[in-house]
C-alpha atoms as a PDB file:
ATOM      1  CA  MET A   1      -6.796 -12.244   1.900  1.00  0.00           C
ATOM      2  CA  VAL A   2      -4.090  -9.171   1.197  1.00  0.00           C
ATOM      3  CA  PHE A   3      -1.770 -10.836   3.619  1.00  0.00           C
ATOM      4  CA  SER A   4      -2.183 -14.799   2.999  1.00  0.00           C
ATOM      5  CA  GLY A   5       0.882 -16.671   3.521  1.00  0.00           C
ATOM      6  CA  LYS A   6       2.759 -13.248   4.925  1.00  0.00           C
ATOM      7  CA  THR A   7       4.325 -13.183   8.084  1.00  0.00           C
ATOM      8  CA  VAL A   8       3.992  -9.901  10.055  1.00  0.00           C
ATOM      9  CA  LEU A   9       5.724  -8.919  13.636  1.00  0.00           C
ATOM     10  CA  VAL A  10       4.448  -6.141  15.692  1.00  0.00           C
ATOM     11  CA  THR A  11       5.752  -4.634  18.507  1.00  0.00           C
ATOM     12  CA  GLY A  12       4.282  -2.971  21.058  1.00  0.00           C
ATOM     13  CA  GLY A  13       1.839  -5.411  20.809  1.00  0.00           C
ATOM     14  CA  GLY A  14       0.346  -6.154  23.869  1.00  0.00           C
ATOM     15  CA  SER A  15      -1.681  -2.582  24.049  1.00  0.00           C
ATOM     16  CA  GLY A  16      -3.150   0.167  21.975  1.00  0.00           C
ATOM     17  CA  ILE A  17      -2.275   0.696  18.496  1.00  0.00           C
ATOM     18  CA  GLY A  18       0.051  -2.244  18.230  1.00  0.00           C
ATOM     19  CA  ALA A  19      -2.596  -4.547  19.777  1.00  0.00           C
ATOM     20  CA  ALA A  20      -4.721  -3.439  17.048  1.00  0.00           C
ATOM     21  CA  ALA A  21      -2.491  -3.864  13.999  1.00  0.00           C
ATOM     22  CA  ALA A  22      -1.668  -6.879  15.302  1.00  0.00           C
ATOM     23  CA  ARG A  23      -5.328  -8.243  15.267  1.00  0.00           C
ATOM     24  CA  HIS A  24      -6.004  -6.433  12.166  1.00  0.00           C
ATOM     25  CA  LEU A  25      -3.383  -7.941  10.387  1.00  0.00           C
ATOM     26  CA  ALA A  26      -4.276 -11.181  11.736  1.00  0.00           C
ATOM     27  CA  GLY A  27      -7.600 -10.601  10.528  1.00  0.00           C
ATOM     28  CA  LEU A  28      -6.319  -9.522   6.834  1.00  0.00           C
ATOM     29  CA  GLY A  29      -4.708 -13.790   6.573  1.00  0.00           C
ATOM     30  CA  ALA A  30      -0.964 -12.569   8.225  1.00  0.00           C
ATOM     31  CA  SER A  31       0.660 -14.953  10.629  1.00  0.00           C
ATOM     32  CA  VAL A  32       1.646 -12.171  13.593  1.00  0.00           C
ATOM     33  CA  LEU A  33       4.150 -12.661  16.116  1.00  0.00           C
ATOM     34  CA  VAL A  34       3.512 -10.115  18.667  1.00  0.00           C
ATOM     35  CA  ALA A  35       6.564  -8.639  20.845  1.00  0.00           C
ATOM     36  CA  GLY A  36       6.540  -6.628  23.736  1.00  0.00           C
ATOM     37  CA  ARG A  37       7.445  -6.037  27.509  1.00  0.00           C
ATOM     38  CA  ARG A  38       4.623  -7.969  29.302  1.00  0.00           C
ATOM     39  CA  MET A  39       3.426 -11.887  28.011  1.00  0.00           C
ATOM     40  CA  ASP A  40       0.077 -11.121  30.351  1.00  0.00           C
ATOM     41  CA  ALA A  41      -1.021  -7.932  28.002  1.00  0.00           C
ATOM     42  CA  LEU A  42       0.735  -9.945  24.705  1.00  0.00           C
ATOM     43  CA  THR A  43      -1.472 -13.010  25.785  1.00  0.00           C
ATOM     44  CA  GLU A  44      -4.681 -10.927  25.461  1.00  0.00           C
ATOM     45  CA  THR A  45      -3.968 -10.251  21.903  1.00  0.00           C
ATOM     46  CA  LEU A  46      -3.025 -13.694  21.315  1.00  0.00           C
ATOM     47  CA  THR A  47      -6.443 -15.067  22.927  1.00  0.00           C
ATOM     48  CA  ALA A  48      -8.242 -11.821  20.827  1.00  0.00           C
ATOM     49  CA  ILE A  49      -6.558 -12.689  17.496  1.00  0.00           C
ATOM     50  CA  ALA A  50      -7.431 -16.627  18.083  1.00  0.00           C
ATOM     51  CA  ALA A  51     -11.152 -15.824  18.919  1.00  0.00           C
ATOM     52  CA  ASP A  52     -11.259 -13.990  15.326  1.00  0.00           C
ATOM     53  CA  GLY A  53      -9.359 -17.203  13.572  1.00  0.00           C
ATOM     54  CA  GLY A  54      -6.285 -15.542  13.224  1.00  0.00           C
ATOM     55  CA  ARG A  55      -2.654 -17.389  13.970  1.00  0.00           C
ATOM     56  CA  ALA A  56      -0.060 -15.628  16.157  1.00  0.00           C
ATOM     57  CA  THR A  57       2.354 -15.885  18.598  1.00  0.00           C
ATOM     58  CA  ALA A  58       4.327 -14.237  21.293  1.00  0.00           C
ATOM     59  CA  PHE A  59       7.607 -13.287  22.074  1.00  0.00           C
ATOM     60  CA  LYS A  60       8.525 -11.379  25.230  1.00  0.00           C
ATOM     61  CA  ALA A  61      10.606  -8.267  24.762  1.00  0.00           C
ATOM     62  CA  ASP A  62      12.561  -5.064  26.187  1.00  0.00           C
ATOM     63  CA  LEU A  63      13.623  -3.616  22.553  1.00  0.00           C
ATOM     64  CA  SER A  64      16.030  -1.502  24.408  1.00  0.00           C
ATOM     65  CA  VAL A  65      18.222  -4.380  24.774  1.00  0.00           C
ATOM     66  CA  GLU A  66      19.902  -5.496  21.225  1.00  0.00           C
ATOM     67  CA  LEU A  67      20.141  -9.010  22.261  1.00  0.00           C
ATOM     68  CA  ASP A  68      16.003  -8.920  22.572  1.00  0.00           C
ATOM     69  CA  ALA A  69      15.390  -7.542  19.591  1.00  0.00           C
ATOM     70  CA  GLU A  70      17.402 -10.138  17.970  1.00  0.00           C
ATOM     71  CA  ALA A  71      15.697 -13.064  19.755  1.00  0.00           C
ATOM     72  CA  MET A  72      12.852 -11.502  18.368  1.00  0.00           C
ATOM     73  CA  VAL A  73      13.351 -11.619  14.442  1.00  0.00           C
ATOM     74  CA  ALA A  74      14.738 -14.899  15.386  1.00  0.00           C
ATOM     75  CA  ALA A  75      11.320 -15.907  17.323  1.00  0.00           C
ATOM     76  CA  ALA A  76       9.665 -14.804  13.895  1.00  0.00           C
ATOM     77  CA  LEU A  77      11.764 -16.939  11.422  1.00  0.00           C
ATOM     78  CA  ALA A  78      11.872 -20.083  13.942  1.00  0.00           C
ATOM     79  CA  ALA A  79       7.700 -19.629  14.202  1.00  0.00           C
ATOM     80  CA  TYR A  80       6.571 -19.012  10.158  1.00  0.00           C
ATOM     81  CA  GLY A  81       9.888 -19.503   8.412  1.00  0.00           C
ATOM     82  CA  ARG A  82      10.112 -15.773   6.691  1.00  0.00           C
ATOM     83  CA  LEU A  83       9.372 -12.828   7.866  1.00  0.00           C
ATOM     84  CA  ASP A  84       7.653 -10.436   5.107  1.00  0.00           C
ATOM     85  CA  PHE A  85       6.604  -7.383   7.043  1.00  0.00           C
ATOM     86  CA  ALA A  86       6.994  -5.023  10.732  1.00  0.00           C
ATOM     87  CA  VAL A  87       4.898  -2.772  12.256  1.00  0.00           C
ATOM     88  CA  ASN A  88       7.085  -1.465  14.645  1.00  0.00           C
ATOM     89  CA  ALA A  89       4.585   0.235  17.468  1.00  0.00           C
ATOM     90  CA  ALA A  90       6.443   0.143  20.814  1.00  0.00           C
ATOM     91  CA  GLY A  91       7.071   3.467  22.223  1.00  0.00           C
ATOM     92  CA  ALA A  92       6.063   5.342  25.460  1.00  0.00           C
ATOM     93  CA  ALA A  93       5.304   9.001  25.987  1.00  0.00           C
ATOM     94  CA  GLY A  94       6.226  11.304  28.362  1.00  0.00           C
ATOM     95  CA  VAL A  95       5.255  14.868  30.188  1.00  0.00           C
ATOM     96  CA  GLY A  96       7.920  17.072  30.243  1.00  0.00           C
ATOM     97  CA  THR A  97       9.538  20.823  29.256  1.00  0.00           C
ATOM     98  CA  ALA A  98      12.856  21.167  27.902  1.00  0.00           C
ATOM     99  CA  ALA A  99      14.337  23.237  30.544  1.00  0.00           C
ATOM    100  CA  GLY A 100      11.951  21.040  33.149  1.00  0.00           C
ATOM    101  CA  SER A 101      12.955  17.853  32.668  1.00  0.00           C
ATOM    102  CA  ASP A 102      15.600  15.254  33.796  1.00  0.00           C
ATOM    103  CA  VAL A 103      18.263  12.978  32.415  1.00  0.00           C
ATOM    104  CA  ALA A 104      16.452  10.005  33.323  1.00  0.00           C
ATOM    105  CA  LEU A 105      13.206  11.091  31.324  1.00  0.00           C
ATOM    106  CA  PHE A 106      15.531  11.649  28.323  1.00  0.00           C
ATOM    107  CA  ASP A 107      17.220   8.473  28.572  1.00  0.00           C
ATOM    108  CA  HIS A 108      13.490   6.527  29.135  1.00  0.00           C
ATOM    109  CA  MET A 109      11.943   8.455  26.022  1.00  0.00           C
ATOM    110  CA  ILE A 110      15.336   7.777  23.781  1.00  0.00           C
ATOM    111  CA  ASP A 111      15.242   4.030  24.388  1.00  0.00           C
ATOM    112  CA  ALA A 112      11.522   3.516  24.201  1.00  0.00           C
ATOM    113  CA  ASN A 113      10.587   5.522  21.425  1.00  0.00           C
ATOM    114  CA  LEU A 114      14.551   5.861  18.747  1.00  0.00           C
ATOM    115  CA  LYS A 115      16.588   3.043  19.608  1.00  0.00           C
ATOM    116  CA  ALA A 116      13.662   0.448  19.835  1.00  0.00           C
ATOM    117  CA  ALA A 117      12.593   1.322  16.330  1.00  0.00           C
ATOM    118  CA  TRP A 118      16.446   1.082  15.896  1.00  0.00           C
ATOM    119  CA  LEU A 119      17.154  -2.161  17.427  1.00  0.00           C
ATOM    120  CA  ALA A 120      13.855  -3.906  15.828  1.00  0.00           C
ATOM    121  CA  MET A 121      14.603  -2.640  12.127  1.00  0.00           C
ATOM    122  CA  LYS A 122      18.746  -3.598  12.440  1.00  0.00           C
ATOM    123  CA  TYR A 123      17.560  -7.217  12.500  1.00  0.00           C
ATOM    124  CA  GLU A 124      13.878  -6.911  10.558  1.00  0.00           C
ATOM    125  CA  ILE A 125      15.702  -5.406   7.411  1.00  0.00           C
ATOM    126  CA  PRO A 126      17.898  -8.748   6.464  1.00  0.00           C
ATOM    127  CA  ALA A 127      15.329 -10.745   7.446  1.00  0.00           C
ATOM    128  CA  ILE A 128      12.511  -9.359   5.496  1.00  0.00           C
ATOM    129  CA  ALA A 129      15.230  -8.799   2.673  1.00  0.00           C
ATOM    130  CA  ALA A 130      16.046 -12.934   2.797  1.00  0.00           C
ATOM    131  CA  ALA A 131      12.065 -13.309   1.852  1.00  0.00           C
ATOM    132  CA  GLY A 132      12.366 -11.605  -1.335  1.00  0.00           C
ATOM    133  CA  GLY A 133      11.218  -8.007   0.299  1.00  0.00           C
ATOM    134  CA  GLY A 134       8.505  -6.323   2.047  1.00  0.00           C
ATOM    135  CA  ALA A 135       7.744  -3.429   4.101  1.00  0.00           C
ATOM    136  CA  ILE A 136       8.281  -1.576   7.674  1.00  0.00           C
ATOM    137  CA  VAL A 137       6.086   0.533   8.962  1.00  0.00           C
ATOM    138  CA  ASN A 138       7.239   2.617  11.779  1.00  0.00           C
ATOM    139  CA  ILE A 139       4.645   4.343  14.581  1.00  0.00           C
ATOM    140  CA  ALA A 140       5.689   7.924  14.903  1.00  0.00           C
ATOM    141  CA  SER A 141       3.769  10.969  16.068  1.00  0.00           C
ATOM    142  CA  ARG A 142       2.223  14.116  14.967  1.00  0.00           C
ATOM    143  CA  ALA A 143       5.083  15.007  17.554  1.00  0.00           C
ATOM    144  CA  GLY A 144       7.096  14.097  15.167  1.00  0.00           C
ATOM    145  CA  LEU A 145       6.114  16.701  12.825  1.00  0.00           C
ATOM    146  CA  VAL A 146       5.831  19.754  15.072  1.00  0.00           C
ATOM    147  CA  GLY A 147       6.569  21.067  18.176  1.00  0.00           C
ATOM    148  CA  THR A 148       4.979  19.946  21.685  1.00  0.00           C
ATOM    149  CA  ALA A 149       4.833  22.402  24.492  1.00  0.00           C
ATOM    150  CA  HIS A 150       5.562  20.330  27.706  1.00  0.00           C
ATOM    151  CA  GLY A 151       6.805  17.212  25.508  1.00  0.00           C
ATOM    152  CA  ALA A 152       9.998  18.693  24.370  1.00  0.00           C
ATOM    153  CA  LEU A 153      12.003  15.001  24.864  1.00  0.00           C
ATOM    154  CA  TYR A 154       8.791  12.843  23.412  1.00  0.00           C
ATOM    155  CA  SER A 155       8.822  15.186  20.347  1.00  0.00           C
ATOM    156  CA  ALA A 156      12.536  15.226  20.055  1.00  0.00           C
ATOM    157  CA  ALA A 157      12.271  11.141  20.292  1.00  0.00           C
ATOM    158  CA  LYS A 158       9.245  10.971  17.581  1.00  0.00           C
ATOM    159  CA  HIS A 159      11.564  13.359  15.183  1.00  0.00           C
ATOM    160  CA  ALA A 160      14.300  11.270  15.080  1.00  0.00           C
ATOM    161  CA  VAL A 161      12.088   8.121  14.724  1.00  0.00           C
ATOM    162  CA  ILE A 162      11.421  10.077  11.647  1.00  0.00           C
ATOM    163  CA  GLY A 163      14.651  11.008  10.751  1.00  0.00           C
ATOM    164  CA  LEU A 164      15.930   7.146  11.112  1.00  0.00           C
ATOM    165  CA  THR A 165      13.016   6.069   8.969  1.00  0.00           C
ATOM    166  CA  LYS A 166      13.629   8.096   6.267  1.00  0.00           C
ATOM    167  CA  SER A 167      17.803   7.358   6.203  1.00  0.00           C
ATOM    168  CA  ALA A 168      16.875   3.278   6.621  1.00  0.00           C
ATOM    169  CA  ALA A 169      14.418   3.787   3.967  1.00  0.00           C
ATOM    170  CA  LEU A 170      17.262   4.717   1.465  1.00  0.00           C
ATOM    171  CA  GLU A 171      19.632   2.098   2.750  1.00  0.00           C
ATOM    172  CA  ALA A 172      16.927  -0.763   2.114  1.00  0.00           C
ATOM    173  CA  ALA A 173      15.499   0.247  -0.812  1.00  0.00           C
ATOM    174  CA  SER A 174      18.051  -2.014  -3.248  1.00  0.00           C
ATOM    175  CA  SER A 175      17.237  -4.837  -1.263  1.00  0.00           C
ATOM    176  CA  GLY A 176      13.204  -4.473  -1.832  1.00  0.00           C
ATOM    177  CA  VAL A 177      12.225  -3.420   1.587  1.00  0.00           C
ATOM    178  CA  ARG A 178       9.818  -0.264   1.873  1.00  0.00           C
ATOM    179  CA  ILE A 179      10.624   1.597   4.864  1.00  0.00           C
ATOM    180  CA  ASN A 180       7.472   4.306   5.843  1.00  0.00           C
ATOM    181  CA  ALA A 181       6.569   6.397   9.243  1.00  0.00           C
ATOM    182  CA  LEU A 182       2.835   6.285  10.563  1.00  0.00           C
ATOM    183  CA  CYS A 183       2.239   9.959  12.416  1.00  0.00           C
ATOM    184  CA  PRO A 184      -1.004   9.246  14.664  1.00  0.00           C
ATOM    185  CA  GLY A 185      -2.480  12.625  16.469  1.00  0.00           C
ATOM    186  CA  PRO A 186      -3.995  11.549  19.351  1.00  0.00           C
ATOM    187  CA  THR A 187      -5.294   8.477  20.213  1.00  0.00           C
ATOM    188  CA  ARG A 188      -7.630   6.306  22.750  1.00  0.00           C
ATOM    189  CA  THR A 189      -5.108   4.196  24.203  1.00  0.00           C
ATOM    190  CA  ALA A 190      -4.689   3.595  28.034  1.00  0.00           C
ATOM    191  CA  GLN A 191      -1.554   5.450  27.778  1.00  0.00           C
ATOM    192  CA  PHE A 192      -3.467   8.503  26.226  1.00  0.00           C
ATOM    193  CA  ASP A 193      -5.979   7.898  28.794  1.00  0.00           C
ATOM    194  CA  ARG A 194      -3.414   8.529  31.897  1.00  0.00           C
ATOM    195  CA  ILE A 195      -2.048  11.601  30.212  1.00  0.00           C
ATOM    196  CA  ILE A 196      -5.706  12.977  30.531  1.00  0.00           C
ATOM    197  CA  GLU A 197      -6.191  12.281  33.771  1.00  0.00           C
ATOM    198  CA  ALA A 198      -2.887  13.654  34.963  1.00  0.00           C
ATOM    199  CA  ALA A 199      -3.903  17.205  33.240  1.00  0.00           C
ATOM    200  CA  MET A 200      -7.754  17.547  33.661  1.00  0.00           C
ATOM    201  CA  PRO A 201      -7.661  15.638  37.069  1.00  0.00           C
ATOM    202  CA  GLY A 202     -10.899  15.401  38.416  1.00  0.00           C
ATOM    203  CA  THR A 203     -12.755  14.792  35.117  1.00  0.00           C
ATOM    204  CA  PRO A 204     -14.678  11.974  34.173  1.00  0.00           C
ATOM    205  CA  ILE A 205     -12.264  10.292  31.687  1.00  0.00           C
ATOM    206  CA  ASP A 206     -14.933   9.959  28.748  1.00  0.00           C
ATOM    207  CA  GLU A 207     -15.782  13.894  29.276  1.00  0.00           C
ATOM    208  CA  ALA A 208     -12.126  14.923  29.149  1.00  0.00           C
ATOM    209  CA  VAL A 209     -11.232  12.744  25.866  1.00  0.00           C
ATOM    210  CA  ALA A 210     -14.646  14.478  24.223  1.00  0.00           C
ATOM    211  CA  MET A 211     -13.197  17.627  25.468  1.00  0.00           C
ATOM    212  CA  PHE A 212     -10.155  17.327  24.207  1.00  0.00           C
ATOM    213  CA  GLY A 213     -11.271  15.480  20.507  1.00  0.00           C
ATOM    214  CA  ALA A 214     -13.718  18.901  20.240  1.00  0.00           C
ATOM    215  CA  LYS A 215     -10.527  21.030  19.705  1.00  0.00           C
ATOM    216  CA  LEU A 216      -8.995  19.131  16.442  1.00  0.00           C
ATOM    217  CA  PRO A 217     -10.875  19.798  13.125  1.00  0.00           C
ATOM    218  CA  LEU A 218     -12.571  16.413  13.214  1.00  0.00           C
ATOM    219  CA  GLY A 219     -13.918  17.010  16.788  1.00  0.00           C
ATOM    220  CA  ARG A 220     -12.405  13.559  17.964  1.00  0.00           C
ATOM    221  CA  ILE A 221      -9.343  11.414  18.617  1.00  0.00           C
ATOM    222  CA  ALA A 222      -8.577   8.430  16.843  1.00  0.00           C
ATOM    223  CA  ASP A 223      -9.251   5.214  17.194  1.00  0.00           C
ATOM    224  CA  PRO A 224      -6.092   2.645  17.640  1.00  0.00           C
ATOM    225  CA  ASP A 225      -8.335   0.222  14.908  1.00  0.00           C
ATOM    226  CA  GLU A 226      -7.895   3.442  12.839  1.00  0.00           C
ATOM    227  CA  VAL A 227      -3.948   3.679  12.883  1.00  0.00           C
ATOM    228  CA  ALA A 228      -4.221  -0.057  12.290  1.00  0.00           C
ATOM    229  CA  GLN A 229      -5.716   0.259   9.087  1.00  0.00           C
ATOM    230  CA  ALA A 230      -3.816   2.924   7.954  1.00  0.00           C
ATOM    231  CA  ALA A 231      -0.195   0.753   9.023  1.00  0.00           C
ATOM    232  CA  ALA A 232      -1.768  -2.309   7.073  1.00  0.00           C
ATOM    233  CA  TRP A 233      -2.491  -0.100   4.103  1.00  0.00           C
ATOM    234  CA  MET A 234       1.414   1.388   3.867  1.00  0.00           C
ATOM    235  CA  LEU A 235       2.685  -2.322   4.607  1.00  0.00           C
ATOM    236  CA  SER A 236       0.004  -3.525   1.190  1.00  0.00           C
ATOM    237  CA  PRO A 237       0.673  -3.418  -2.711  1.00  0.00           C
ATOM    238  CA  ALA A 238      -1.315  -0.613  -2.737  1.00  0.00           C
ATOM    239  CA  THR A 239       1.637   1.624  -1.455  1.00  0.00           C
ATOM    240  CA  ALA A 240       4.482  -0.250  -3.568  1.00  0.00           C
ATOM    241  CA  PHE A 241       5.544   3.596  -4.412  1.00  0.00           C
ATOM    242  CA  MET A 242       6.352   4.906  -1.314  1.00  0.00           C
ATOM    243  CA  THR A 243       9.073   4.745   1.144  1.00  0.00           C
ATOM    244  CA  GLY A 244      10.905   7.325   3.290  1.00  0.00           C
ATOM    245  CA  ALA A 245       7.501   8.562   3.725  1.00  0.00           C
ATOM    246  CA  ALA A 246       6.152  10.410   7.368  1.00  0.00           C
ATOM    247  CA  VAL A 247       2.532   9.873   6.879  1.00  0.00           C
ATOM    248  CA  PRO A 248       0.283  12.230   9.313  1.00  0.00           C
ATOM    249  CA  LEU A 249      -3.161  10.579  10.766  1.00  0.00           C
ATOM    250  CA  ASP A 250      -4.073  13.400  12.860  1.00  0.00           C
ATOM    251  CA  GLY A 251      -7.421  14.366  12.232  1.00  0.00           C
ATOM    252  CA  GLY A 252      -6.859  17.611  10.247  1.00  0.00           C
ATOM    253  CA  SER A 253      -4.786  19.031  13.329  1.00  0.00           C
ATOM    254  CA  GLY A 254      -1.185  19.304  11.429  1.00  0.00           C
ATOM    255  CA  ALA A 255      -3.110  20.963   8.459  1.00  0.00           C
ATOM    256  CA  GLY A 256      -2.896  24.615  10.377  1.00  0.00           C
END
């Protein structure tokens, strides 16, 4: 299998895209460390991986705290002896306009998205370089490529994640560490459902999601497993000449 004998760290691994990435990479032979804020959610991911015959361990971390980020990478090294890859999927969405949002939302968007990605990479990059090189995928967003009305602070944070990714890619290339950003469009996660429920109160959630997806060129939103598969491809030898890229996975919504 593609990732046999390799170790992958997945942040935000308790739910959504992170959990899907952890399961998919474990299924491809990787030993996975899943990290996130809630141990109960991480345990669910571990259970799913174990049921499929995979190998994984969990680490509770708040990635806006530097000591947690440092300890997370140390835990991966302690568990598996090396770190080859990382998928930084930890993040949070937020609804609010540029003029109507408060400082608390701004701070949350920066901490949960930009700061979390930076602190994770701060410790992942040297660990991966020490293992002989590898790759990192930061889960950004289509909102990091275009403006988003009523999501100004989230969009700003994800734009910053892409800028951080590009800069870090230039810095780490000589160490054999590739760093790219994956920019998914709307994806069916619990977080997405909560946003849709707030926007379309009284509409059954599956109906509301279908109505939203119908507006996209492919007529639907993404499944987390599709994002996980794209992330695995970006880690794999198939993309050995890709670094500093921001790759859209948005059902064509950014095409025009």
